[in-house]
Amino acid sequence: MKLLTFVKDGMPSLGVKTTNGIVDVEAALSSIGGDNIPSKVMEVIEGGLPALSALESFVTGLEISEGVPYVLDENNIQWGPCVTHPNKIICVGLNYRKHADETNALYPEVPILFNKFNNTLTGHHCQIAVPKVTEKLDYEVELGVVIGTRAKDVSQDIALDHVFGYCTVNDLSARDLQLKTPQWLLGKTCDDFSPMGPYLVTADEVGDPQNLRLKTIVNGEVRQNSTTADMIFSVSEIVSYISKHMTLVPGDIILTGTPEGVVLGLPEEKQVYLKPGDVVTVEVENLGALTNRFVPEKVLDKELNRV
């Protein structure tokens, strides 16, 4: 299934993408009724297979056609982040060989971990303010991994069994802030620095996470074009490694690194960082394309936060 979050009456609401439109699950439940059907994305993730199966059966039984009140046109919704309240956002640095090469970094011997916070979450078509505190805002297309079941000290062989699904993420990075100190956190955690979506796609629809193409397009120009096969540490290795150090719980998000093609990797004379007016689309195969427009910090209106 392809799940999504959209904003309705100022609150996040669960949608399901179908070939004929977006099902507003809450509106469908109000219209025809239903028992034990999750109506929020976190309820689906935390409810596990029973919740997902109940939702799938419910949506399969619906009339989904133009004009039905609970079927929405995705061009007319306000998107939210496809995962709304993760317990943890864990990121992996320097996890693509060619990205390490372009930044003249050694390949890490173990995954380099850092974290983000929920203030960084935003969605598809949402405007993102370029913080006044940075002059070097960079893009990073990444495969996002969403945990579905509790994982503690799991082996690589079963690590993917704990994955609920995957999503496209842009790990925005203020390079001047990131590189001020040995700790990367400051340059990674400004508001709206983790747009994710449009969809949260369940693992069964994605296939092999090590065989997905990733792409970034800035103002119509392709900047990143690679594949998850270039990862130094695979998704299963990452999930297993993290679980040996902390317990992963449903809804946790892991950002698995970015391929080559970031601004930081260019020769200094060719480095042109993101600025207000730029439009960036990041895309991961089978997961959808995520687009955001960048605006000056002072003009961002949260009530009209749309590209």
Protein backbone atom coordinates (compact mmCIF):
# COMPACT_ATOMS: atom_id res chain seq x y z
CA MET A 1 0.00 0.00 0.00
CA LYS A 2 0.93 3.62 -0.49
CA LEU A 3 0.03 5.63 2.62
CA LEU A 4 0.25 9.38 2.99
CA THR A 5 -0.54 12.21 5.35
CA PHE A 6 -2.56 15.26 4.36
CA VAL A 7 -3.69 18.19 6.46
CA LYS A 8 -7.42 18.52 7.13
CA ASP A 9 -8.84 21.15 9.47
CA GLY A 10 -5.31 21.85 10.64
CA MET A 11 -4.67 18.24 11.68
CA PRO A 12 -2.79 15.36 10.01
CA SER A 13 -5.09 12.82 8.41
CA LEU A 14 -4.47 9.42 6.80
CA GLY A 15 -4.78 8.92 3.09
CA VAL A 16 -4.32 5.87 0.88
CA LYS A 17 -3.24 6.33 -2.73
CA THR A 18 -5.24 4.36 -5.29
CA THR A 19 -5.37 4.46 -9.09
CA ASN A 20 -8.56 6.56 -8.88
CA GLY A 21 -7.55 9.06 -6.22
CA ILE A 22 -6.65 9.48 -2.57
CA VAL A 23 -8.96 7.81 -0.05
CA ASP A 24 -9.60 10.03 2.97
CA VAL A 25 -9.83 7.20 5.49
CA GLU A 26 -11.46 9.25 8.24
CA ALA A 27 -14.13 10.56 5.86
CA ALA A 28 -14.78 7.07 4.50
CA LEU A 29 -15.25 5.73 8.02
CA SER A 30 -17.68 8.56 8.79
CA SER A 31 -19.58 7.80 5.61
CA ILE A 32 -19.93 4.02 5.73
CA GLY A 33 -18.62 3.00 9.14
CA GLY A 34 -16.10 0.37 10.12
CA ASP A 35 -14.59 -1.25 13.19
CA ASN A 36 -10.92 -1.32 14.23
CA ILE A 37 -9.77 0.57 11.16
CA PRO A 38 -6.79 2.88 11.78
CA SER A 39 -7.35 6.50 10.75
CA LYS A 40 -3.85 7.91 11.41
CA VAL A 41 -0.58 6.82 9.83
CA MET A 42 1.05 6.18 13.21
CA GLU A 43 -1.85 3.88 14.12
CA VAL A 44 -1.19 1.82 11.00
CA ILE A 45 2.56 1.57 11.70
CA GLU A 46 2.18 0.83 15.41
CA GLY A 47 -0.71 -1.58 14.83
CA GLY A 48 1.44 -3.82 12.68
CA LEU A 49 0.13 -6.42 10.27
CA PRO A 50 -3.40 -6.62 11.80
CA ALA A 51 -3.88 -2.85 11.38
CA LEU A 52 -2.45 -2.85 7.87
CA SER A 53 -4.58 -5.82 6.82
CA ALA A 54 -7.72 -4.22 8.28
CA LEU A 55 -7.02 -0.98 6.41
CA GLU A 56 -6.31 -2.78 3.15
CA SER A 57 -9.53 -4.79 3.38
CA PHE A 58 -11.50 -1.66 4.20
CA VAL A 59 -10.11 0.32 1.25
CA THR A 60 -10.54 -2.64 -1.13
CA GLY A 61 -14.25 -2.73 -0.29
CA LEU A 62 -14.84 0.95 -1.00
CA GLU A 63 -16.33 2.53 -4.08
CA ILE A 64 -13.44 4.66 -5.35
CA SER A 65 -14.42 6.94 -8.19
CA GLU A 66 -14.60 10.63 -9.05
CA GLY A 67 -17.30 12.43 -7.16
CA VAL A 68 -17.35 10.16 -4.12
CA PRO A 69 -16.95 12.51 -1.11
CA TYR A 70 -14.11 10.58 0.51
CA VAL A 71 -12.03 10.36 -2.69
CA LEU A 72 -9.64 13.30 -3.08
CA ASP A 73 -7.55 14.64 -5.95
CA GLU A 74 -3.94 14.62 -4.77
CA ASN A 75 -3.36 17.89 -6.64
CA ASN A 76 -5.76 19.59 -4.24
CA ILE A 77 -4.50 18.40 -0.86
CA GLN A 78 -2.06 19.94 1.59
CA TRP A 79 0.61 17.32 2.14
CA GLY A 80 2.22 16.46 5.44
CA PRO A 81 5.23 14.27 6.24
CA CYS A 82 4.34 10.65 5.50
CA VAL A 83 5.43 9.71 9.05
CA THR A 84 4.22 12.24 11.59
CA HIS A 85 5.58 11.35 15.04
CA PRO A 86 8.66 9.13 14.94
CA ASN A 87 10.24 8.28 18.27
CA LYS A 88 13.67 8.58 16.65
CA ILE A 89 15.15 9.91 13.42
CA ILE A 90 18.53 8.26 12.93
CA CYS A 91 20.78 9.19 10.02
CA VAL A 92 23.77 7.50 8.42
CA GLY A 93 26.60 9.64 7.09
CA LEU A 94 29.02 8.87 4.25
CA ASN A 95 27.21 5.69 3.27
CA TYR A 96 27.75 5.81 -0.51
CA ARG A 97 31.14 5.03 -1.99
CA LYS A 98 31.04 7.70 -4.70
CA HIS A 99 29.79 10.33 -2.25
CA ALA A 100 32.71 9.57 0.06
CA ASP A 101 35.00 9.79 -2.96
CA GLU A 102 33.68 13.20 -4.05
CA THR A 103 34.19 14.65 -0.56
CA ASN A 104 37.66 13.07 -0.19
CA ALA A 105 36.53 11.07 2.84
CA LEU A 106 37.66 7.60 3.86
CA TYR A 107 35.09 4.84 3.72
CA PRO A 108 33.82 4.36 7.28
CA GLU A 109 34.51 1.05 9.02
CA VAL A 110 31.18 1.19 10.85
CA PRO A 111 28.05 3.27 10.13
CA ILE A 112 28.44 6.94 11.09
CA LEU A 113 25.28 7.84 13.00
CA PHE A 114 23.73 11.18 13.84
CA ASN A 115 20.18 12.25 14.57
CA LYS A 116 17.48 14.68 13.58
CA PHE A 117 14.35 15.80 15.44
CA ASN A 118 10.66 16.11 14.66
CA ASN A 119 10.97 19.85 13.97
CA THR A 120 12.69 18.89 10.70
CA LEU A 121 9.65 17.03 9.34
CA THR A 122 7.64 18.50 6.49
CA GLY A 123 5.91 17.22 3.39
CA HIS A 124 5.60 17.20 -0.37
CA HIS A 125 4.91 20.62 -1.97
CA CYS A 126 5.58 22.40 1.31
CA GLN A 127 7.65 25.55 1.17
CA ILE A 128 10.92 25.50 3.11
CA ALA A 129 12.52 28.64 4.48
CA VAL A 130 16.24 29.04 3.90
CA PRO A 131 17.56 29.83 7.40
CA LYS A 132 19.29 33.18 7.78
CA VAL A 133 22.08 31.43 9.70
CA THR A 134 23.38 29.53 6.67
CA GLU A 135 24.86 30.43 3.30
CA LYS A 136 25.54 26.84 2.25
CA LEU A 137 22.26 24.90 2.11
CA ASP A 138 22.68 21.57 0.32
CA TYR A 139 20.31 18.81 -0.84
CA GLU A 140 20.66 15.06 -0.19
CA VAL A 141 18.28 12.51 -1.68
CA GLU A 142 17.97 9.53 0.65
CA LEU A 143 16.12 6.26 1.07
CA GLY A 144 14.11 6.49 4.28
CA VAL A 145 13.47 3.28 6.24
CA VAL A 146 10.50 3.13 8.60
CA ILE A 147 10.57 0.55 11.36
CA GLY A 148 7.44 -1.58 11.82
CA THR A 149 8.20 -3.87 14.75
CA ARG A 150 10.39 -3.57 17.83
CA ALA A 151 14.00 -4.49 17.03
CA LYS A 152 16.69 -5.09 19.65
CA ASP A 153 19.96 -6.85 18.84
CA VAL A 154 18.63 -8.39 15.63
CA SER A 155 20.80 -10.16 13.06
CA GLN A 156 21.23 -8.98 9.48
CA ASP A 157 19.35 -12.08 8.31
CA ILE A 158 16.08 -10.91 9.86
CA ALA A 159 16.64 -7.15 10.01
CA LEU A 160 14.39 -6.38 7.02
CA ASP A 161 11.55 -8.28 8.70
CA HIS A 162 11.36 -5.34 11.12
CA VAL A 163 10.86 -2.76 8.33
CA PHE A 164 7.33 -1.46 7.78
CA GLY A 165 8.10 0.48 4.64
CA TYR A 166 10.18 3.04 2.80
CA CYS A 167 9.92 6.67 1.74
CA THR A 168 11.80 9.36 -0.15
CA VAL A 169 13.59 11.92 2.03
CA ASN A 170 15.65 15.06 1.39
CA ASP A 171 18.26 15.29 4.16
CA LEU A 172 18.83 19.03 3.89
CA SER A 173 22.19 20.11 5.23
CA ALA A 174 23.58 23.54 6.10
CA ARG A 175 27.20 22.74 5.32
CA ASP A 176 28.70 25.80 7.01
CA LEU A 177 26.89 24.92 10.24
CA GLN A 178 27.56 21.20 9.86
CA LEU A 179 31.30 21.64 9.51
CA LYS A 180 31.76 24.26 12.26
CA THR A 181 32.41 21.48 14.77
CA PRO A 182 33.06 17.71 14.66
CA GLN A 183 29.38 17.21 15.54
CA TRP A 184 27.08 17.48 12.51
CA LEU A 185 23.82 18.05 14.39
CA LEU A 186 23.48 21.83 14.04
CA GLY A 187 23.70 21.76 10.27
CA LYS A 188 21.10 19.00 10.02
CA THR A 189 18.33 20.09 12.39
CA CYS A 190 16.98 23.46 11.29
CA ASP A 191 13.21 23.61 10.82
CA ASP A 192 11.83 21.58 7.90
CA PHE A 193 15.20 20.03 7.06
CA SER A 194 13.68 16.56 6.54
CA PRO A 195 10.90 16.73 3.95
CA MET A 196 9.63 13.20 3.40
CA GLY A 197 7.07 11.56 1.18
CA PRO A 198 4.92 11.89 -0.78
CA TYR A 199 4.14 8.31 0.23
CA LEU A 200 5.07 5.74 2.81
CA VAL A 201 5.20 2.56 0.71
CA THR A 202 4.90 -0.77 2.49
CA ALA A 203 7.93 -3.04 2.20
CA ASP A 204 6.09 -5.69 0.18
CA GLU A 205 5.63 -3.21 -2.70
CA VAL A 206 9.22 -1.98 -2.77
CA GLY A 207 11.29 -5.12 -3.29
CA ASP A 208 15.03 -5.13 -2.81
CA PRO A 209 16.07 -1.89 -1.07
CA GLN A 210 19.59 -2.31 -2.50
CA ASN A 211 18.34 -2.01 -6.08
CA LEU A 212 16.59 1.36 -6.18
CA ARG A 213 17.52 4.37 -8.30
CA LEU A 214 17.79 7.78 -6.59
CA LYS A 215 17.68 11.17 -8.28
CA THR A 216 17.78 14.88 -7.38
CA ILE A 217 16.63 17.61 -9.74
CA VAL A 218 17.30 21.29 -8.94
CA ASN A 219 15.45 23.84 -11.08
CA GLY A 220 15.09 21.23 -13.81
CA GLU A 221 18.74 20.11 -13.75
CA VAL A 222 19.63 16.57 -12.67
CA ARG A 223 22.21 16.80 -9.87
CA GLN A 224 22.17 13.32 -8.33
CA ASN A 225 21.52 10.12 -10.28
CA SER A 226 22.65 6.91 -8.62
CA THR A 227 21.47 3.67 -7.04
CA THR A 228 21.27 2.20 -3.56
CA ALA A 229 23.61 -0.56 -4.79
CA ASP A 230 26.42 1.94 -4.09
CA MET A 231 25.72 1.89 -0.35
CA ILE A 232 28.68 0.95 1.85
CA PHE A 233 26.37 -0.49 4.50
CA SER A 234 23.14 -2.11 3.31
CA VAL A 235 19.75 -1.45 4.89
CA SER A 236 19.87 -4.81 6.67
CA GLU A 237 23.36 -4.04 8.02
CA ILE A 238 22.24 -0.61 9.23
CA VAL A 239 19.10 -1.85 10.98
CA SER A 240 21.04 -4.67 12.64
CA TYR A 241 23.89 -2.36 13.72
CA ILE A 242 21.61 0.28 15.23
CA SER A 243 19.53 -2.36 17.02
CA LYS A 244 22.61 -3.63 18.81
CA HIS A 245 23.04 -0.22 20.44
CA MET A 246 19.45 0.94 20.98
CA THR A 247 15.94 -0.45 20.67
CA LEU A 248 14.18 0.48 17.46
CA VAL A 249 10.41 0.90 17.78
CA PRO A 250 7.56 1.20 15.27
CA GLY A 251 7.66 4.54 13.50
CA ASP A 252 11.38 5.15 13.93
CA ILE A 253 12.92 6.53 10.74
CA ILE A 254 16.40 5.73 9.45
CA LEU A 255 17.91 7.92 6.72
CA THR A 256 20.43 5.76 4.93
CA GLY A 257 22.79 8.27 3.33
CA THR A 258 23.09 10.10 0.01
CA PRO A 259 24.89 9.34 -3.26
CA GLU A 260 27.30 11.55 -5.15
CA GLY A 261 26.27 14.83 -6.74
CA VAL A 262 25.78 17.12 -3.73
CA VAL A 263 26.98 20.72 -3.89
CA LEU A 264 29.65 20.02 -1.25
CA GLY A 265 31.27 17.50 -3.60
CA LEU A 266 31.82 19.98 -6.42
CA PRO A 267 35.01 21.99 -6.91
CA GLU A 268 34.76 25.13 -4.78
CA GLU A 269 34.47 27.45 -7.77
CA LYS A 270 31.41 25.51 -9.00
CA GLN A 271 29.59 25.29 -5.68
CA VAL A 272 26.20 27.04 -5.90
CA TYR A 273 24.11 26.31 -2.82
CA LEU A 274 20.33 26.41 -2.55
CA LYS A 275 18.68 29.81 -2.35
CA PRO A 276 15.16 31.24 -2.16
CA GLY A 277 13.28 30.55 -5.39
CA ASP A 278 14.92 27.19 -6.03
CA VAL A 279 12.73 24.12 -6.55
CA VAL A 280 14.18 20.75 -5.60
CA THR A 281 12.74 17.35 -6.43
CA VAL A 282 14.18 14.20 -4.89
CA GLU A 283 13.01 10.80 -6.07
CA VAL A 284 13.57 7.17 -5.11
CA GLU A 285 12.41 4.42 -7.45
CA ASN A 286 9.04 2.91 -6.48
CA LEU A 287 8.55 5.51 -3.72
CA GLY A 288 7.63 8.69 -5.58
CA ALA A 289 9.04 12.16 -6.17
CA LEU A 290 9.13 14.78 -3.42
CA THR A 291 9.17 18.45 -4.44
CA ASN A 292 9.80 21.55 -2.33
CA ARG A 293 10.26 25.23 -3.13
CA PHE A 294 12.68 27.30 -1.05
CA VAL A 295 11.71 30.76 0.19
CA PRO A 296 13.27 33.48 2.34
CA GLU A 297 12.85 32.74 6.03
CA LYS A 298 10.89 35.91 6.73
CA VAL A 299 8.09 35.29 4.19
CA LEU A 300 7.20 31.68 5.00
CA ASP A 301 3.53 31.50 5.98
CA LYS A 302 2.82 28.20 7.75
CA GLU A 303 -0.87 28.54 6.96
CA LEU A 304 -0.12 28.68 3.23
CA ASN A 305 2.86 26.36 3.20
CA ARG A 306 2.68 25.09 -0.36
CA VAL A 307 4.84 25.19 -3.48
